Protein backbone atom coordinates (compact mmCIF):
# COMPACT_ATOMS: atom_id res chain seq x y z
CA MET A 1 0.00 0.00 0.00
CA LYS A 2 1.25 3.44 -0.86
CA PRO A 3 1.89 5.93 1.98
CA VAL A 4 -1.34 7.43 3.28
CA ASP A 5 -1.91 11.16 3.41
CA ALA A 6 -1.11 12.58 6.85
CA ARG A 7 -4.47 14.35 7.00
CA ALA A 8 -6.25 11.00 7.16
CA TRP A 9 -3.98 9.91 10.00
CA VAL A 10 -4.74 13.14 11.85
CA MET A 11 -8.45 12.32 11.62
CA TRP A 12 -7.73 8.83 12.94
CA LEU A 13 -5.66 10.19 15.83
CA MET A 14 -8.27 12.81 16.76
CA ALA A 15 -11.06 10.22 16.80
CA GLY A 16 -9.10 7.70 18.85
CA GLY A 17 -7.77 10.33 21.26
CA LEU A 18 -11.22 11.84 21.79
CA LEU A 19 -12.73 8.45 22.57
CA ALA A 20 -9.88 7.63 24.95
CA ILE A 21 -10.42 10.91 26.81
CA LEU A 22 -14.21 10.70 27.07
CA ILE A 23 -14.56 7.00 27.93
CA SER A 24 -13.89 5.59 31.40
CA ASN A 25 -15.29 2.09 30.84
CA PRO A 26 -12.32 -0.34 31.06
CA LEU A 27 -13.77 -2.70 28.43
CA TYR A 28 -14.01 0.04 25.82
CA LEU A 29 -10.59 1.36 26.79
CA LEU A 30 -9.06 -2.08 26.31
CA LEU A 31 -10.75 -2.31 22.93
CA LEU A 32 -9.33 1.06 21.87
CA PHE A 33 -5.90 0.06 23.16
CA LEU A 34 -5.92 -3.18 21.15
CA ILE A 35 -7.06 -1.31 18.04
CA SER A 36 -4.22 1.21 18.32
CA ARG A 37 -1.64 -1.57 18.73
CA LEU A 38 -3.10 -3.51 15.81
CA VAL A 39 -2.97 -0.48 13.52
CA MET A 40 0.61 0.26 14.58
CA PHE A 41 1.84 -3.27 13.88
CA ALA A 42 -0.03 -3.44 10.58
CA CYS A 43 0.90 -0.01 9.18
CA ALA A 44 4.27 0.81 10.76
CA PRO A 45 7.28 0.93 8.42
CA ALA A 46 9.74 -1.95 8.22
CA GLU A 47 12.19 -0.10 10.50
CA PRO A 48 10.08 1.67 13.13
CA GLN A 49 11.44 4.44 15.27
CA ARG A 50 13.37 3.28 18.34
CA PHE A 51 12.33 4.73 21.66
CA PRO A 52 14.64 4.98 24.67
CA LEU A 53 12.28 2.80 26.74
CA PRO A 54 9.98 -0.01 25.58
CA PHE A 55 6.32 0.93 25.45
CA TRP A 56 5.30 -1.90 27.77
CA ARG A 57 7.72 -0.67 30.44
CA ILE A 58 6.29 2.85 30.20
CA ALA A 59 2.72 1.52 30.33
CA ALA A 60 3.47 -0.62 33.39
CA ALA A 61 5.07 2.33 35.19
CA ILE A 62 2.04 4.54 34.45
CA LEU A 63 -0.45 1.92 35.65
CA VAL A 64 1.46 1.15 38.84
CA PHE A 65 2.02 4.81 39.71
CA SER A 66 -1.59 5.81 39.00
CA THR A 67 -2.97 2.90 41.02
CA LEU A 68 -0.74 3.45 44.05
CA PHE A 69 -1.12 7.24 44.02
CA ASN A 70 -4.92 7.16 44.00
CA MET A 71 -5.06 4.34 46.57
CA LEU A 72 -2.75 6.21 48.96
CA THR A 73 -4.36 9.63 48.62
CA ALA A 74 -8.09 8.79 48.33
CA HIS A 75 -9.60 6.99 51.29
CA ILE A 76 -13.12 6.13 50.14
CA GLY A 77 -14.82 2.91 49.21
CA GLN A 78 -16.25 -0.09 51.03
CA THR A 79 -13.66 -2.82 50.40
CA VAL A 80 -10.80 -2.05 52.80
CA LEU A 81 -7.50 -3.74 51.92
CA PHE A 82 -5.10 -2.15 54.41
CA THR A 83 -5.20 0.51 57.08
CA LEU A 84 -2.33 2.91 57.67
CA PRO A 85 -1.94 4.98 60.84
CA THR A 86 -3.99 8.14 60.66
CA SER A 87 -1.04 10.09 62.02
CA TRP A 88 0.71 9.69 58.68
CA PRO A 89 0.05 12.80 56.59
CA LEU A 90 -1.90 12.39 53.34
CA VAL A 91 -1.55 8.60 53.12
CA GLY A 92 -2.90 7.72 56.55
CA GLY A 93 -6.24 5.94 56.67
CA SER A 94 -7.97 3.04 54.97
CA LEU A 95 -6.69 1.83 51.59
CA THR A 96 -9.63 0.49 49.60
CA PHE A 97 -9.95 -1.69 46.54
CA GLU A 98 -12.22 0.86 44.88
CA THR A 99 -9.58 3.58 44.95
CA ALA A 100 -7.03 1.18 43.45
CA VAL A 101 -9.44 0.31 40.63
CA TYR A 102 -10.18 3.97 39.95
CA GLY A 103 -6.47 4.80 39.80
CA PHE A 104 -5.88 1.86 37.47
CA LEU A 105 -8.65 3.11 35.15
CA ASN A 106 -7.08 6.57 34.99
CA GLY A 107 -3.75 5.00 34.15
CA LEU A 108 -5.37 2.79 31.50
CA ARG A 109 -6.93 5.84 29.89
CA LEU A 110 -3.54 7.57 29.75
CA VAL A 111 -1.85 4.44 28.36
CA THR A 112 -4.51 4.14 25.65
CA LEU A 113 -4.06 7.77 24.66
CA LEU A 114 -0.28 7.33 24.63
CA SER A 115 -0.64 4.23 22.45
CA PHE A 116 -2.54 6.22 19.81
CA PHE A 117 0.10 8.95 19.78
CA ILE A 118 2.96 6.45 19.54
CA ALA A 119 1.23 4.67 16.65
CA PHE A 120 0.70 8.00 14.88
CA ASN A 121 4.30 9.09 15.45
CA THR A 122 5.64 5.74 14.22
CA ILE A 123 3.53 5.57 11.06
CA VAL A 124 3.47 9.17 9.85
CA PRO A 125 6.80 10.66 8.68
CA VAL A 126 7.90 13.87 10.36
CA SER A 127 8.10 15.68 7.03
CA GLU A 128 4.40 14.98 6.45
CA LEU A 129 3.53 16.51 9.82
CA ALA A 130 5.44 19.68 9.00
CA GLY A 131 3.53 19.92 5.73
CA LEU A 132 0.24 20.13 7.64
CA THR A 133 1.08 23.50 9.17
CA PRO A 134 -0.56 26.50 7.49
CA ARG A 135 1.63 28.30 5.00
CA ALA A 136 1.41 31.45 7.11
CA LEU A 137 3.13 29.50 9.92
CA HIS A 138 5.82 27.92 7.75
CA GLU A 139 8.61 29.12 10.04
CA LEU A 140 6.92 27.50 13.04
CA GLY A 141 6.49 24.32 11.01
CA LEU A 142 10.17 24.31 10.14
CA VAL A 143 11.15 24.74 13.79
CA MET A 144 8.83 21.90 14.79
CA LEU A 145 10.25 19.70 12.03
CA ILE A 146 13.82 20.30 13.21
CA SER A 147 12.89 19.73 16.85
CA ILE A 148 10.99 16.51 16.20
CA THR A 149 13.68 15.21 13.86
CA TYR A 150 16.41 15.76 16.45
CA ILE A 151 14.68 13.55 19.01
CA PRO A 152 14.95 10.23 17.09
CA GLU A 153 18.37 11.23 15.75
CA THR A 154 19.61 11.86 19.29
CA ILE A 155 18.17 8.54 20.43
CA SER A 156 19.90 6.71 17.57
CA GLN A 157 23.17 8.48 18.34
CA PHE A 158 22.82 7.51 22.00
CA HIS A 159 22.42 3.84 21.05
CA ARG A 160 25.47 4.02 18.76
CA ILE A 161 27.67 5.61 21.42
CA ARG A 162 26.47 3.17 24.07
CA ASP A 163 27.19 0.17 21.82
CA ALA A 164 30.64 1.52 20.93
CA GLN A 165 31.48 2.04 24.60
CA ALA A 166 30.17 -1.44 25.44
CA ILE A 167 32.52 -2.96 22.85
CA ARG A 168 35.39 -1.23 24.67
CA GLY A 169 34.28 -2.89 27.91
CA HIS A 170 32.53 0.15 29.41
CA GLN A 171 29.76 -0.60 31.91
CA LEU A 172 27.05 1.74 33.21
CA ASN A 173 27.34 1.08 36.93
CA GLY A 174 27.20 4.61 38.36
CA LEU A 175 26.78 8.31 37.65
CA ARG A 176 30.41 8.76 36.66
CA ALA A 177 30.06 5.95 34.12
CA TRP A 178 27.62 8.10 32.12
CA ARG A 179 30.25 10.75 31.33
CA PRO A 180 31.86 8.78 28.43
CA ILE A 181 28.41 8.58 26.87
CA LEU A 182 26.90 11.99 27.59
CA LEU A 183 29.92 14.02 26.48
CA PRO A 184 30.14 12.45 22.97
CA LEU A 185 26.35 12.75 22.71
CA LEU A 186 26.50 16.47 23.54
CA ILE A 187 29.39 17.11 21.15
CA SER A 188 27.70 15.24 18.29
CA GLY A 189 24.49 17.20 18.89
CA LEU A 190 26.37 20.51 18.70
CA GLU A 191 28.07 19.39 15.48
CA ARG A 192 24.73 18.50 13.89
CA ALA A 193 23.31 21.87 14.94
CA MET A 194 26.25 23.75 13.41
CA ASN A 195 26.06 21.78 10.16
CA LEU A 196 22.32 22.39 9.92
CA SER A 197 22.67 26.13 10.53
CA GLU A 198 25.40 26.43 7.89
CA THR A 199 23.29 24.49 5.40
CA MET A 200 20.24 26.71 6.02
CA VAL A 201 22.27 29.92 5.66
CA SER A 202 23.85 28.69 2.42
CA ARG A 203 20.37 28.07 1.02
CA GLY A 204 19.20 31.57 1.85
CA TYR A 205 17.09 30.84 4.88
CA GLY A 206 16.53 33.97 6.90
CA SER A 207 16.36 36.40 3.97
CA THR A 208 12.73 37.46 4.33
CA SER A 209 10.66 40.24 2.83
CA GLN A 210 8.12 42.28 4.77
CA ILE A 211 4.55 41.74 3.56
CA ALA A 212 1.66 43.65 5.07
CA ALA A 213 -1.08 41.45 6.49
CA PRO A 214 -4.40 41.78 4.65
CA PHE A 215 -7.04 43.89 6.37
CA ARG A 216 -9.53 41.04 6.30
CA ALA A 217 -7.09 38.72 8.08
CA ARG A 218 -6.43 41.26 10.83
CA VAL A 219 -10.15 41.81 11.41
CA LEU A 220 -10.80 38.05 11.52
CA LEU A 221 -7.99 37.57 14.04
CA ILE A 222 -9.43 40.26 16.33
CA ILE A 223 -12.93 38.80 16.06
CA GLY A 224 -11.68 35.25 16.58
CA LEU A 225 -9.61 36.12 19.66
CA THR A 226 -12.52 38.09 21.12
CA PHE A 227 -14.99 35.24 20.60
CA ALA A 228 -12.51 32.69 21.96
CA LEU A 229 -11.92 34.76 25.09
CA GLY A 230 -15.65 35.31 25.57
CA GLY A 231 -16.35 31.61 25.12
CA SER A 232 -13.66 30.66 27.63
CA LEU A 233 -15.03 33.08 30.21
CA ARG A 234 -18.56 31.84 29.58
CA LEU A 235 -17.44 28.23 30.12
CA THR A 236 -15.72 29.27 33.34
CA TRP A 237 -19.03 30.63 34.62
CA GLY A 238 -20.83 27.41 33.68
CA GLY A 239 -22.57 28.51 30.50
CA ALA A 240 -22.92 25.73 27.92
CA ASP A 241 -23.26 28.30 25.11
CA GLY A 242 -19.59 29.12 25.64
CA TRP A 243 -18.71 26.18 23.39
CA LEU A 244 -20.54 27.93 20.54
CA LEU A 245 -18.60 31.15 21.06
CA LEU A 246 -15.33 29.26 21.37
CA SER A 247 -16.00 27.29 18.18
CA ALA A 248 -16.89 30.48 16.31
CA GLY A 249 -13.67 32.11 17.53
CA LEU A 250 -11.52 29.18 16.45
CA ALA A 251 -13.24 29.14 13.06
CA ALA A 252 -12.52 32.86 12.59
CA ILE A 253 -8.86 32.37 13.54
CA ALA A 254 -8.56 29.48 11.09
CA TRP A 255 -10.12 31.63 8.37
CA ALA A 256 -7.66 34.43 9.14
CA TYR A 257 -4.67 32.12 8.78
CA ARG A 258 -6.15 30.84 5.54
CA GLU A 259 -6.18 34.41 4.25
CA LEU A 260 -2.60 34.92 5.43
CA SER A 261 -1.49 31.72 3.73
CA LYS A 262 -2.53 33.01 0.31
CA ASP A 263 0.53 35.28 0.21
CA VAL A 264 2.96 32.45 1.01
CA LYS A 265 4.10 30.09 -1.73
CA ARG A 266 4.99 26.49 -0.96
CA THR A 267 6.38 23.84 -3.26
CA ARG A 268 6.25 20.11 -2.66
CA TYR A 269 8.79 17.63 -3.93
CA LYS A 270 6.29 14.78 -4.11
CA PRO A 271 2.73 15.87 -3.32
CA ARG A 272 0.32 13.29 -1.94
CA HIS A 273 -3.07 12.69 -3.50
CA TRP A 274 -6.24 11.86 -1.60
CA GLY A 275 -7.24 8.35 -2.62
CA LEU A 276 -9.41 5.45 -1.57
CA SER A 277 -7.19 4.54 1.37
CA GLU A 278 -7.51 8.00 2.89
CA THR A 279 -11.27 7.98 2.29
CA PHE A 280 -11.75 4.64 4.02
CA ILE A 281 -9.60 5.65 7.01
CA THR A 282 -11.50 8.91 7.44
CA ILE A 283 -14.88 7.20 7.15
CA GLY A 284 -13.82 4.63 9.74
CA ALA A 285 -12.77 7.39 12.15
CA ILE A 286 -16.08 9.22 11.68
CA ILE A 287 -18.07 6.02 12.22
CA ALA A 288 -16.19 5.35 15.47
CA LEU A 289 -17.32 8.75 16.79
CA ILE A 290 -21.03 8.09 16.22
CA PRO A 291 -21.66 6.64 19.72
CA ILE A 292 -20.60 9.88 21.44
CA LEU A 293 -23.03 11.98 19.40
CA PRO A 294 -26.29 13.09 21.08
CA LEU A 295 -28.33 10.36 19.39
CA ASP A 296 -30.65 7.76 20.89
CA ILE A 297 -29.16 4.91 18.87
CA PHE A 298 -26.47 3.98 21.42
CA ASP A 299 -26.50 3.91 25.20
CA ARG A 300 -23.85 6.45 26.19
CA THR A 301 -24.20 5.65 29.90
CA ALA A 302 -22.06 2.54 29.34
CA PHE A 303 -19.13 4.81 28.44
CA TYR A 304 -18.79 5.94 32.02
CA TYR A 305 -17.76 3.65 34.85
CA ALA A 306 -17.12 4.44 38.50
CA PRO A 307 -16.06 1.79 41.03
CA TYR A 308 -17.63 3.72 43.90
CA PRO A 309 -19.12 2.94 46.36
CA GLU A 310 -18.42 -0.71 45.49
CA VAL A 311 -16.77 -2.34 42.47
CA SER A 312 -19.22 -3.82 39.97
CA ALA A 313 -18.93 -5.36 36.51
CA PRO A 314 -18.75 -2.74 33.73
CA LEU A 315 -21.34 -2.76 30.96
CA PHE A 316 -20.45 -3.40 27.33
CA GLY A 317 -22.58 -2.78 24.25
CA VAL A 318 -21.77 -5.09 21.36
CA GLY A 319 -23.10 -2.60 18.81
CA THR A 320 -20.99 0.22 20.25
CA GLY A 321 -17.92 -1.99 20.22
CA LEU A 322 -18.49 -2.94 16.59
CA VAL A 323 -18.83 0.73 15.63
CA MET A 324 -15.55 1.53 17.42
CA LEU A 325 -13.86 -1.04 15.21
CA GLY A 326 -14.02 1.63 12.53
CA LEU A 327 -10.70 2.85 13.96
CA ALA A 328 -9.17 -0.42 12.77
CA MET A 329 -9.85 0.57 9.16
CA PRO A 330 -6.14 1.39 8.47
CA ALA A 331 -5.21 -2.22 9.25
CA VAL A 332 -8.00 -3.48 7.01
CA VAL A 333 -6.87 -1.20 4.18
CA MET A 334 -3.28 -2.33 4.66
CA ILE A 335 -4.25 -6.01 4.43
CA PHE A 336 -6.83 -5.97 1.67
CA THR A 337 -5.60 -3.19 -0.65
CA PRO A 338 -2.83 -4.37 -3.00
CA PRO A 339 -0.53 -1.62 -4.34
CA GLU A 340 -1.57 -2.20 -7.93
CA LEU A 341 -5.25 -1.59 -7.15
CA GLU A 342 -4.70 1.74 -5.34
CA LEU A 343 -6.80 4.37 -7.12
CA THR A 344 -6.45 8.10 -6.68
CA HIS A 345 -8.23 11.08 -8.08
């Protein structure tokens, strides 16, 4: 399958992240987590990006910390596991099973959200992400591209230096043992920064021309910022109509940057075309969001789960789960769409 347009992956990430944030039911969270891992393993490149720590180790640390923190700081629930002296500040009192379950659910939600972001970062090239920035913010996009690119490059350089030092018999058994690794890593990072700056200067980066912003763009920015501020204040006071003002403000700001982008020219070495793969992925993401819409088709009460005052079995709707499988559309497209049958328009 040919590389998919980054805009389709952004839709997939937004849908999965929104569901992971809004849902507290552990069964649905596990389903979303499995979908994100499936899509990552099916659509990731042959040589995925290496992270300094394995994902499973990070997930285990998040779950353990969230469970212990909530169990030690919240002393409610009916199933008492342990009792600490009340003279101990903050952690003193009864430690209940319900608080441990609630902390585990919060950690599971964070792990699910992290899994979607890791899958997105592994599948989508950094250059494609920089291309999504508006043309009026091309300098910000370039800075983000350089920053994001340096992270995996620094990680790869760290692994190379560590392996080279290990061949020489170096062992990391203390703080002083890190100096032969950190110093070459710092020096190599400075060398890459100097080479990049010289390359950008030689290509004329930094020679800009002053262009006056269009009057319409300035008016839209003022209106958008005013509406966004008013909507935020309205939400602070508990008014539900603040979402409407905030949405109108964001739409005006987006329109203003669209007007500003007309004066900026951008060329693409190999532009991507929106094809059937992107359409199917976007449709799957939209279908997965149907259960959270204010419709009477699905029971949204099953999305929310609270172990208080006593732990009970969470509910699970088969229809809702099947609709959420729309987020697995990238894996389906990857499996059932041969490269020779990929059609674009």
